[in-house]
Amino acid sequence: ATHWLGHGDTVSIGKHTLVFAYVEGEERETASGAGGMDKTMVMDTD
């Protein structure tokens, strides 16, 4: 539904693909959601 893109991720839309890539030597920035907040706990309730 949503996904933070990282270097090398392959996005499939229909019969096409989009490859997300940083230019060689470019600083690879991290998403603002990093640092534990991007992880979701799996609910295990009745």
All heavy atoms as atom14 arrays in JSON, in Angstrom:
{
  "sequence": "ATHWLGHGDTVSIGKHTLVFAYVEGEERETASGAGGMDKTMVMDTD",
  "atom14_mask": [
    [1, 1, 1, 1, 1, 0, 0, 0, 0, 0, 0, 0, 0, 0],
    [1, 1, 1, 1, 1, 1, 1, 0, 0, 0, 0, 0, 0, 0],
    [1, 1, 1, 1, 1, 1, 1, 1, 1, 1, 0, 0, 0, 0],
    [1, 1, 1, 1, 1, 1, 1, 1, 1, 1, 1, 1, 1, 1],
    [1, 1, 1, 1, 1, 1, 1, 1, 0, 0, 0, 0, 0, 0],
    [1, 1, 1, 1, 0, 0, 0, 0, 0, 0, 0, 0, 0, 0],
    [1, 1, 1, 1, 1, 1, 1, 1, 1, 1, 0, 0, 0, 0],
    [1, 1, 1, 1, 0, 0, 0, 0, 0, 0, 0, 0, 0, 0],
    [1, 1, 1, 1, 1, 1, 1, 1, 0, 0, 0, 0, 0, 0],
    [1, 1, 1, 1, 1, 1, 1, 0, 0, 0, 0, 0, 0, 0],
    [1, 1, 1, 1, 1, 1, 1, 0, 0, 0, 0, 0, 0, 0],
    [1, 1, 1, 1, 1, 1, 0, 0, 0, 0, 0, 0, 0, 0],
    [1, 1, 1, 1, 1, 1, 1, 1, 0, 0, 0, 0, 0, 0],
    [1, 1, 1, 1, 0, 0, 0, 0, 0, 0, 0, 0, 0, 0],
    [1, 1, 1, 1, 1, 1, 1, 1, 1, 0, 0, 0, 0, 0],
    [1, 1, 1, 1, 1, 1, 1, 1, 1, 1, 0, 0, 0, 0],
    [1, 1, 1, 1, 1, 1, 1, 0, 0, 0, 0, 0, 0, 0],
    [1, 1, 1, 1, 1, 1, 1, 1, 0, 0, 0, 0, 0, 0],
    [1, 1, 1, 1, 1, 1, 1, 0, 0, 0, 0, 0, 0, 0],
    [1, 1, 1, 1, 1, 1, 1, 1, 1, 1, 1, 0, 0, 0],
    [1, 1, 1, 1, 1, 0, 0, 0, 0, 0, 0, 0, 0, 0],
    [1, 1, 1, 1, 1, 1, 1, 1, 1, 1, 1, 1, 0, 0],
    [1, 1, 1, 1, 1, 1, 1, 0, 0, 0, 0, 0, 0, 0],
    [1, 1, 1, 1, 1, 1, 1, 1, 1, 0, 0, 0, 0, 0],
    [1, 1, 1, 1, 0, 0, 0, 0, 0, 0, 0, 0, 0, 0],
    [1, 1, 1, 1, 1, 1, 1, 1, 1, 0, 0, 0, 0, 0],
    [1, 1, 1, 1, 1, 1, 1, 1, 1, 0, 0, 0, 0, 0],
    [1, 1, 1, 1, 1, 1, 1, 1, 1, 1, 1, 0, 0, 0],
    [1, 1, 1, 1, 1, 1, 1, 1, 1, 0, 0, 0, 0, 0],
    [1, 1, 1, 1, 1, 1, 1, 0, 0, 0, 0, 0, 0, 0],
    [1, 1, 1, 1, 1, 0, 0, 0, 0, 0, 0, 0, 0, 0],
    [1, 1, 1, 1, 1, 1, 0, 0, 0, 0, 0, 0, 0, 0],
    [1, 1, 1, 1, 0, 0, 0, 0, 0, 0, 0, 0, 0, 0],
    [1, 1, 1, 1, 1, 0, 0, 0, 0, 0, 0, 0, 0, 0],
    [1, 1, 1, 1, 0, 0, 0, 0, 0, 0, 0, 0, 0, 0],
    [1, 1, 1, 1, 0, 0, 0, 0, 0, 0, 0, 0, 0, 0],
    [1, 1, 1, 1, 1, 1, 1, 1, 0, 0, 0, 0, 0, 0],
    [1, 1, 1, 1, 1, 1, 1, 1, 0, 0, 0, 0, 0, 0],
    [1, 1, 1, 1, 1, 1, 1, 1, 1, 0, 0, 0, 0, 0],
    [1, 1, 1, 1, 1, 1, 1, 0, 0, 0, 0, 0, 0, 0],
    [1, 1, 1, 1, 1, 1, 1, 1, 0, 0, 0, 0, 0, 0],
    [1, 1, 1, 1, 1, 1, 1, 0, 0, 0, 0, 0, 0, 0],
    [1, 1, 1, 1, 1, 1, 1, 1, 0, 0, 0, 0, 0, 0],
    [1, 1, 1, 1, 1, 1, 1, 1, 0, 0, 0, 0, 0, 0],
    [1, 1, 1, 1, 1, 1, 1, 0, 0, 0, 0, 0, 0, 0],
    [1, 1, 1, 1, 1, 1, 1, 1, 0, 0, 0, 0, 0, 0]
  ],
  "atom14_positions": [
    [[0.87, -1.18, 0.0], [0.0, 0.0, 0.0], [0.91, 1.23, 0.0], [0.71, 2.16, -0.77], [-0.91, 0.0, 1.22], [0.0, 0.0, 0.0], [0.0, 0.0, 0.0], [0.0, 0.0, 0.0], [0.0, 0.0, 0.0], [0.0, 0.0, 0.0], [0.0, 0.0, 0.0], [0.0, 0.0, 0.0], [0.0, 0.0, 0.0], [0.0, 0.0, 0.0]],
    [[1.94, 1.21, 0.87], [2.99, 2.22, 0.88], [4.31, 1.53, 1.15], [4.35, 0.46, 1.75], [2.76, 3.29, 1.97], [2.77, 2.66, 3.25], [1.46, 4.04, 1.76], [0.0, 0.0, 0.0], [0.0, 0.0, 0.0], [0.0, 0.0, 0.0], [0.0, 0.0, 0.0], [0.0, 0.0, 0.0], [0.0, 0.0, 0.0], [0.0, 0.0, 0.0]],
    [[5.4, 2.16, 0.7], [6.73, 1.57, 0.9], [7.78, 2.66, 0.76], [7.77, 3.42, -0.2], [6.97, 0.48, -0.15], [8.33, -0.14, -0.07], [8.63, -1.14, 0.82], [9.46, 0.11, -0.77], [9.9, -1.49, 0.65], [10.42, -0.74, -0.3], [0.0, 0.0, 0.0], [0.0, 0.0, 0.0], [0.0, 0.0, 0.0], [0.0, 0.0, 0.0]],
    [[8.7, 2.74, 1.75], [9.85, 3.64, 1.64], [10.83, 3.01, 0.66], [11.28, 1.89, 0.87], [10.53, 3.84, 2.99], [9.74, 4.71, 3.92], [8.95, 4.3, 4.95], [9.63, 6.13, 3.88], [8.38, 5.38, 5.56], [8.78, 6.52, 4.92], [10.18, 7.13, 3.06], [8.46, 7.86, 5.18], [9.86, 8.45, 3.32], [9.02, 8.81, 4.36]],
    [[11.16, 3.71, -0.4], [12.04, 3.16, -1.43], [13.5, 3.2, -0.99], [13.95, 4.16, -0.38], [11.87, 3.95, -2.74], [10.53, 3.77, -3.43], [10.37, 4.78, -4.57], [10.37, 2.35, -3.94], [0.0, 0.0, 0.0], [0.0, 0.0, 0.0], [0.0, 0.0, 0.0], [0.0, 0.0, 0.0], [0.0, 0.0, 0.0], [0.0, 0.0, 0.0]],
    [[14.19, 2.13, -1.33], [15.62, 2.02, -1.06], [16.35, 1.66, -2.34], [15.76, 1.16, -3.3], [0.0, 0.0, 0.0], [0.0, 0.0, 0.0], [0.0, 0.0, 0.0], [0.0, 0.0, 0.0], [0.0, 0.0, 0.0], [0.0, 0.0, 0.0], [0.0, 0.0, 0.0], [0.0, 0.0, 0.0], [0.0, 0.0, 0.0], [0.0, 0.0, 0.0]],
    [[17.66, 1.89, -2.34], [18.48, 1.61, -3.52], [18.28, 0.17, -3.99], [18.36, -0.77, -3.21], [19.95, 1.86, -3.21], [20.85, 1.59, -4.37], [20.92, 2.44, -5.45], [21.69, 0.57, -4.63], [21.79, 1.95, -6.33], [22.27, 0.82, -5.85], [0.0, 0.0, 0.0], [0.0, 0.0, 0.0], [0.0, 0.0, 0.0], [0.0, 0.0, 0.0]],
    [[17.97, 0.01, -5.27], [17.81, -1.32, -5.86], [16.41, -1.88, -5.8], [16.15, -2.95, -6.36], [0.0, 0.0, 0.0], [0.0, 0.0, 0.0], [0.0, 0.0, 0.0], [0.0, 0.0, 0.0], [0.0, 0.0, 0.0], [0.0, 0.0, 0.0], [0.0, 0.0, 0.0], [0.0, 0.0, 0.0], [0.0, 0.0, 0.0], [0.0, 0.0, 0.0]],
    [[15.47, -1.19, -5.13], [14.09, -1.69, -5.09], [13.51, -1.74, -6.5], [13.72, -0.84, -7.31], [13.19, -0.78, -4.23], [13.32, -1.06, -2.75], [13.89, -2.1, -2.38], [12.82, -0.23, -1.96], [0.0, 0.0, 0.0], [0.0, 0.0, 0.0], [0.0, 0.0, 0.0], [0.0, 0.0, 0.0], [0.0, 0.0, 0.0], [0.0, 0.0, 0.0]],
    [[12.79, -2.83, -6.78], [12.14, -3.0, -8.07], [10.64, -2.89, -7.87], [10.04, -3.69, -7.14], [12.48, -4.38, -8.68], [13.9, -4.46, -8.84], [11.81, -4.56, -10.03], [0.0, 0.0, 0.0], [0.0, 0.0, 0.0], [0.0, 0.0, 0.0], [0.0, 0.0, 0.0], [0.0, 0.0, 0.0], [0.0, 0.0, 0.0], [0.0, 0.0, 0.0]],
    [[10.04, -1.89, -8.51], [8.6, -1.63, -8.41], [7.95, -2.2, -9.66], [8.33, -1.85, -10.78], [8.33, -0.11, -8.32], [6.84, 0.17, -8.24], [9.07, 0.5, -7.14], [0.0, 0.0, 0.0], [0.0, 0.0, 0.0], [0.0, 0.0, 0.0], [0.0, 0.0, 0.0], [0.0, 0.0, 0.0], [0.0, 0.0, 0.0], [0.0, 0.0, 0.0]],
    [[6.98, -3.1, -9.47], [6.26, -3.7, -10.6], [4.88, -3.07, -10.7], [4.1, -3.1, -9.74], [6.12, -5.21, -10.41], [7.4, -5.8, -10.35], [0.0, 0.0, 0.0], [0.0, 0.0, 0.0], [0.0, 0.0, 0.0], [0.0, 0.0, 0.0], [0.0, 0.0, 0.0], [0.0, 0.0, 0.0], [0.0, 0.0, 0.0], [0.0, 0.0, 0.0]],
    [[4.6, -2.5, -11.87], [3.31, -1.89, -12.16], [2.87, -2.44, -13.5], [3.49, -2.16, -14.53], [3.4, -0.35, -12.19], [3.77, 0.16, -10.79], [2.11, 0.27, -12.68], [3.9, 1.66, -10.68], [0.0, 0.0, 0.0], [0.0, 0.0, 0.0], [0.0, 0.0, 0.0], [0.0, 0.0, 0.0], [0.0, 0.0, 0.0], [0.0, 0.0, 0.0]],
    [[1.8, -3.22, -13.47], [1.38, -3.88, -14.71], [2.49, -4.8, -15.18], [3.06, -5.57, -14.42], [0.0, 0.0, 0.0], [0.0, 0.0, 0.0], [0.0, 0.0, 0.0], [0.0, 0.0, 0.0], [0.0, 0.0, 0.0], [0.0, 0.0, 0.0], [0.0, 0.0, 0.0], [0.0, 0.0, 0.0], [0.0, 0.0, 0.0], [0.0, 0.0, 0.0]],
    [[2.84, -4.69, -16.46], [3.89, -5.52, -17.03], [5.24, -4.79, -17.06], [6.2, -5.28, -17.62], [3.51, -5.94, -18.45], [2.27, -6.81, -18.48], [1.93, -7.21, -19.9], [0.72, -8.13, -19.91], [0.42, -8.61, -21.26], [0.0, 0.0, 0.0], [0.0, 0.0, 0.0], [0.0, 0.0, 0.0], [0.0, 0.0, 0.0], [0.0, 0.0, 0.0]],
    [[5.3, -3.62, -16.42], [6.51, -2.81, -16.41], [7.17, -2.83, -15.03], [6.52, -3.12, -14.03], [6.18, -1.36, -16.78], [5.8, -1.19, -18.21], [4.6, -1.61, -18.73], [6.47, -0.64, -19.25], [4.55, -1.34, -20.01], [5.67, -0.74, -20.36], [0.0, 0.0, 0.0], [0.0, 0.0, 0.0], [0.0, 0.0, 0.0], [0.0, 0.0, 0.0]],
    [[8.45, -2.49, -15.01], [9.16, -2.34, -13.75], [9.85, -0.99, -13.71], [10.25, -0.44, -14.74], [10.23, -3.45, -13.54], [11.14, -3.42, -14.62], [9.6, -4.81, -13.41], [0.0, 0.0, 0.0], [0.0, 0.0, 0.0], [0.0, 0.0, 0.0], [0.0, 0.0, 0.0], [0.0, 0.0, 0.0], [0.0, 0.0, 0.0], [0.0, 0.0, 0.0]],
    [[9.95, -0.47, -12.5], [10.69, 0.75, -12.23], [11.75, 0.39, -11.2], [11.41, -0.12, -10.13], [9.78, 1.85, -11.68], [8.77, 2.43, -12.65], [7.61, 3.06, -11.9], [9.45, 3.47, -13.52], [0.0, 0.0, 0.0], [0.0, 0.0, 0.0], [0.0, 0.0, 0.0], [0.0, 0.0, 0.0], [0.0, 0.0, 0.0], [0.0, 0.0, 0.0]],
    [[13.0, 0.64, -11.51], [14.09, 0.34, -10.57], [14.51, 1.66, -9.94], [14.85, 2.62, -10.63], [15.28, -0.33, -11.27], [16.41, -0.59, -10.28], [14.85, -1.63, -11.94], [0.0, 0.0, 0.0], [0.0, 0.0, 0.0], [0.0, 0.0, 0.0], [0.0, 0.0, 0.0], [0.0, 0.0, 0.0], [0.0, 0.0, 0.0], [0.0, 0.0, 0.0]],
    [[14.45, 1.7, -8.59], [14.86, 2.88, -7.83], [16.34, 2.76, -7.55], [16.79, 1.77, -6.97], [14.06, 2.96, -6.53], [14.4, 4.15, -5.68], [13.81, 5.38, -5.92], [15.31, 4.03, -4.64], [14.11, 6.48, -5.12], [15.62, 5.13, -3.84], [15.02, 6.36, -4.08], [0.0, 0.0, 0.0], [0.0, 0.0, 0.0], [0.0, 0.0, 0.0]],
    [[17.12, 3.76, -7.97], [18.57, 3.67, -7.78], [19.17, 5.05, -7.56], [18.73, 6.04, -8.16], [19.22, 3.04, -9.0], [0.0, 0.0, 0.0], [0.0, 0.0, 0.0], [0.0, 0.0, 0.0], [0.0, 0.0, 0.0], [0.0, 0.0, 0.0], [0.0, 0.0, 0.0], [0.0, 0.0, 0.0], [0.0, 0.0, 0.0], [0.0, 0.0, 0.0]],
    [[20.16, 5.09, -6.67], [20.94, 6.3, -6.5], [22.06, 6.28, -7.53], [22.58, 5.21, -7.89], [21.52, 6.37, -5.09], [20.48, 6.73, -4.05], [19.84, 5.75, -3.31], [20.14, 8.06, -3.82], [18.89, 6.08, -2.36], [19.18, 8.39, -2.88], [18.57, 7.4, -2.16], [17.61, 7.73, -1.23], [0.0, 0.0, 0.0], [0.0, 0.0, 0.0]],
    [[22.46, 7.45, -8.0], [23.56, 7.56, -8.93], [24.83, 7.14, -8.19], [24.98, 7.41, -7.0], [23.68, 9.02, -9.44], [24.86, 9.19, -10.37], [22.39, 9.44, -10.13], [0.0, 0.0, 0.0], [0.0, 0.0, 0.0], [0.0, 0.0, 0.0], [0.0, 0.0, 0.0], [0.0, 0.0, 0.0], [0.0, 0.0, 0.0], [0.0, 0.0, 0.0]],
    [[25.72, 6.46, -8.89], [26.93, 5.95, -8.25], [27.71, 7.07, -7.59], [27.92, 8.13, -8.17], [27.82, 5.23, -9.27], [28.96, 4.5, -8.61], [29.52, 3.4, -9.48], [28.77, 2.85, -10.29], [30.7, 3.11, -9.32], [0.0, 0.0, 0.0], [0.0, 0.0, 0.0], [0.0, 0.0, 0.0], [0.0, 0.0, 0.0], [0.0, 0.0, 0.0]],
    [[28.11, 6.84, -6.35], [28.86, 7.83, -5.59], [27.98, 8.82, -4.86], [28.46, 9.6, -4.04], [0.0, 0.0, 0.0], [0.0, 0.0, 0.0], [0.0, 0.0, 0.0], [0.0, 0.0, 0.0], [0.0, 0.0, 0.0], [0.0, 0.0, 0.0], [0.0, 0.0, 0.0], [0.0, 0.0, 0.0], [0.0, 0.0, 0.0], [0.0, 0.0, 0.0]],
    [[26.71, 8.81, -5.13], [25.78, 9.74, -4.48], [25.48, 9.26, -3.06], [25.37, 8.07, -2.8], [24.47, 9.8, -5.28], [23.42, 10.69, -4.68], [22.13, 10.68, -5.49], [22.0, 9.85, -6.41], [21.26, 11.49, -5.2], [0.0, 0.0, 0.0], [0.0, 0.0, 0.0], [0.0, 0.0, 0.0], [0.0, 0.0, 0.0], [0.0, 0.0, 0.0]],
    [[25.34, 10.23, -2.15], [24.99, 9.89, -0.78], [23.59, 9.3, -0.75], [22.66, 9.88, -1.3], [25.04, 11.15, 0.09], [24.72, 10.89, 1.54], [24.72, 12.16, 2.36], [25.34, 13.14, 1.95], [24.08, 12.16, 3.42], [0.0, 0.0, 0.0], [0.0, 0.0, 0.0], [0.0, 0.0, 0.0], [0.0, 0.0, 0.0], [0.0, 0.0, 0.0]],
    [[23.47, 8.13, -0.13], [22.17, 7.46, -0.05], [21.48, 7.88, 1.22], [21.85, 7.46, 2.31], [22.35, 5.95, -0.11], [22.93, 5.54, -1.44], [23.11, 4.07, -1.55], [23.8, 3.79, -2.79], [24.13, 2.59, -3.18], [23.84, 1.55, -2.44], [24.76, 2.42, -4.31], [0.0, 0.0, 0.0], [0.0, 0.0, 0.0], [0.0, 0.0, 0.0]],
    [[20.49, 8.71, 1.04], [19.78, 9.26, 2.19], [18.81, 8.23, 2.73], [18.35, 7.35, 2.02], [19.07, 10.54, 1.79], [20.06, 11.6, 1.3], [19.38, 12.8, 0.71], [18.16, 12.78, 0.5], [20.08, 13.77, 0.44], [0.0, 0.0, 0.0], [0.0, 0.0, 0.0], [0.0, 0.0, 0.0], [0.0, 0.0, 0.0], [0.0, 0.0, 0.0]],
    [[18.47, 8.37, 4.0], [17.51, 7.47, 4.61], [16.2, 8.2, 4.84], [16.18, 9.41, 5.02], [18.04, 6.94, 5.96], [18.3, 8.05, 6.81], [19.29, 6.12, 5.77], [0.0, 0.0, 0.0], [0.0, 0.0, 0.0], [0.0, 0.0, 0.0], [0.0, 0.0, 0.0], [0.0, 0.0, 0.0], [0.0, 0.0, 0.0], [0.0, 0.0, 0.0]],
    [[15.13, 7.44, 4.85], [13.81, 8.01, 5.04], [13.66, 8.58, 6.43], [14.26, 8.11, 7.38], [12.75, 6.93, 4.81], [0.0, 0.0, 0.0], [0.0, 0.0, 0.0], [0.0, 0.0, 0.0], [0.0, 0.0, 0.0], [0.0, 0.0, 0.0], [0.0, 0.0, 0.0], [0.0, 0.0, 0.0], [0.0, 0.0, 0.0], [0.0, 0.0, 0.0]],
    [[12.8, 9.6, 6.54], [12.57, 10.22, 7.85], [11.89, 9.27, 8.81], [11.94, 9.46, 10.02], [11.73, 11.48, 7.68], [10.46, 11.14, 7.15], [0.0, 0.0, 0.0], [0.0, 0.0, 0.0], [0.0, 0.0, 0.0], [0.0, 0.0, 0.0], [0.0, 0.0, 0.0], [0.0, 0.0, 0.0], [0.0, 0.0, 0.0], [0.0, 0.0, 0.0]],
    [[11.25, 8.23, 8.29], [10.57, 7.27, 9.14], [11.5, 6.26, 9.78], [11.08, 5.42, 10.55], [0.0, 0.0, 0.0], [0.0, 0.0, 0.0], [0.0, 0.0, 0.0], [0.0, 0.0, 0.0], [0.0, 0.0, 0.0], [0.0, 0.0, 0.0], [0.0, 0.0, 0.0], [0.0, 0.0, 0.0], [0.0, 0.0, 0.0], [0.0, 0.0, 0.0]],
    [[12.79, 6.35, 9.49], [13.74, 5.39, 10.04], [13.96, 5.62, 11.52], [13.56, 6.63, 12.06], [15.07, 5.49, 9.29], [0.0, 0.0, 0.0], [0.0, 0.0, 0.0], [0.0, 0.0, 0.0], [0.0, 0.0, 0.0], [0.0, 0.0, 0.0], [0.0, 0.0, 0.0], [0.0, 0.0, 0.0], [0.0, 0.0, 0.0], [0.0, 0.0, 0.0]],
    [[14.6, 4.69, 12.16], [14.88, 4.82, 13.58], [13.85, 4.11, 14.44], [13.57, 4.5, 15.54], [0.0, 0.0, 0.0], [0.0, 0.0, 0.0], [0.0, 0.0, 0.0], [0.0, 0.0, 0.0], [0.0, 0.0, 0.0], [0.0, 0.0, 0.0], [0.0, 0.0, 0.0], [0.0, 0.0, 0.0], [0.0, 0.0, 0.0], [0.0, 0.0, 0.0]],
    [[13.27, 3.04, 13.91], [12.33, 2.26, 14.69], [10.88, 2.6, 14.42], [10.0, 1.79, 14.65], [0.0, 0.0, 0.0], [0.0, 0.0, 0.0], [0.0, 0.0, 0.0], [0.0, 0.0, 0.0], [0.0, 0.0, 0.0], [0.0, 0.0, 0.0], [0.0, 0.0, 0.0], [0.0, 0.0, 0.0], [0.0, 0.0, 0.0], [0.0, 0.0, 0.0]],
    [[10.59, 3.81, 13.96], [9.2, 4.2, 13.74], [8.63, 3.58, 12.47], [7.42, 3.6, 12.28], [9.08, 5.73, 13.67], [9.3, 6.41, 15.0], [8.21, 5.82, 16.3], [6.63, 6.4, 15.73], [0.0, 0.0, 0.0], [0.0, 0.0, 0.0], [0.0, 0.0, 0.0], [0.0, 0.0, 0.0], [0.0, 0.0, 0.0], [0.0, 0.0, 0.0]],
    [[9.45, 3.04, 11.6], [8.94, 2.43, 10.39], [8.53, 0.98, 10.58], [8.0, 0.36, 9.69], [9.94, 2.55, 9.24], [11.26, 1.85, 9.53], [11.54, 1.57, 10.71], [12.0, 1.61, 8.57], [0.0, 0.0, 0.0], [0.0, 0.0, 0.0], [0.0, 0.0, 0.0], [0.0, 0.0, 0.0], [0.0, 0.0, 0.0], [0.0, 0.0, 0.0]],
    [[8.76, 0.43, 11.76], [8.39, -0.95, 12.03], [7.03, -0.99, 12.71], [6.74, -0.18, 13.57], [9.44, -1.61, 12.91], [10.78, -1.71, 12.19], [11.79, -2.45, 12.98], [12.98, -2.59, 12.07], [14.21, -2.66, 12.57], [0.0, 0.0, 0.0], [0.0, 0.0, 0.0], [0.0, 0.0, 0.0], [0.0, 0.0, 0.0], [0.0, 0.0, 0.0]],
    [[6.21, -1.93, 12.31], [4.87, -2.07, 12.87], [4.78, -3.38, 13.63], [5.17, -4.43, 13.11], [3.81, -2.04, 11.75], [3.97, -0.83, 11.02], [2.42, -2.13, 12.32], [0.0, 0.0, 0.0], [0.0, 0.0, 0.0], [0.0, 0.0, 0.0], [0.0, 0.0, 0.0], [0.0, 0.0, 0.0], [0.0, 0.0, 0.0], [0.0, 0.0, 0.0]],
    [[4.25, -3.32, 14.82], [4.07, -4.51, 15.64], [2.9, -5.32, 15.08], [1.88, -4.76, 14.68], [3.75, -4.09, 17.07], [3.54, -5.26, 18.0], [3.05, -4.72, 19.64], [1.33, -4.36, 19.36], [0.0, 0.0, 0.0], [0.0, 0.0, 0.0], [0.0, 0.0, 0.0], [0.0, 0.0, 0.0], [0.0, 0.0, 0.0], [0.0, 0.0, 0.0]],
    [[3.03, -6.62, 15.04], [1.94, -7.49, 14.58], [0.98, -7.69, 15.75], [1.38, -8.06, 16.85], [2.49, -8.85, 14.1], [1.35, -9.79, 13.74], [3.44, -8.66, 12.93], [0.0, 0.0, 0.0], [0.0, 0.0, 0.0], [0.0, 0.0, 0.0], [0.0, 0.0, 0.0], [0.0, 0.0, 0.0], [0.0, 0.0, 0.0], [0.0, 0.0, 0.0]],
    [[-0.3, -7.39, 15.48], [-1.31, -7.55, 16.54], [-1.58, -9.03, 16.77], [-1.68, -9.8, 15.82], [-2.62, -6.86, 16.13], [-2.53, -5.38, 16.19], [-4.06, -4.45, 15.87], [-5.36, -5.6, 15.77], [0.0, 0.0, 0.0], [0.0, 0.0, 0.0], [0.0, 0.0, 0.0], [0.0, 0.0, 0.0], [0.0, 0.0, 0.0], [0.0, 0.0, 0.0]],
    [[-1.71, -9.39, 18.02], [-2.04, -10.75, 18.38], [-3.04, -10.71, 19.53], [-2.72, -10.98, 20.67], [-0.79, -11.54, 18.78], [-1.09, -13.02, 18.97], [-2.1, -13.51, 18.44], [-0.32, -13.69, 19.69], [0.0, 0.0, 0.0], [0.0, 0.0, 0.0], [0.0, 0.0, 0.0], [0.0, 0.0, 0.0], [0.0, 0.0, 0.0], [0.0, 0.0, 0.0]],
    [[-4.27, -10.31, 19.18], [-5.33, -10.23, 20.19], [-6.49, -11.11, 19.74], [-6.61, -11.46, 18.57], [-5.84, -8.78, 20.35], [-6.42, -8.37, 19.1], [-4.72, -7.83, 20.73], [0.0, 0.0, 0.0], [0.0, 0.0, 0.0], [0.0, 0.0, 0.0], [0.0, 0.0, 0.0], [0.0, 0.0, 0.0], [0.0, 0.0, 0.0], [0.0, 0.0, 0.0]],
    [[-7.35, -11.44, 20.68], [-8.51, -12.26, 20.35], [-9.39, -11.55, 19.32], [-9.88, -12.17, 18.38], [-9.33, -12.57, 21.62], [-8.57, -13.5, 22.57], [-7.69, -14.25, 22.09], [-8.88, -13.46, 23.78], [0.0, 0.0, 0.0], [0.0, 0.0, 0.0], [0.0, 0.0, 0.0], [0.0, 0.0, 0.0], [0.0, 0.0, 0.0], [0.0, 0.0, 0.0]]
  ]
}
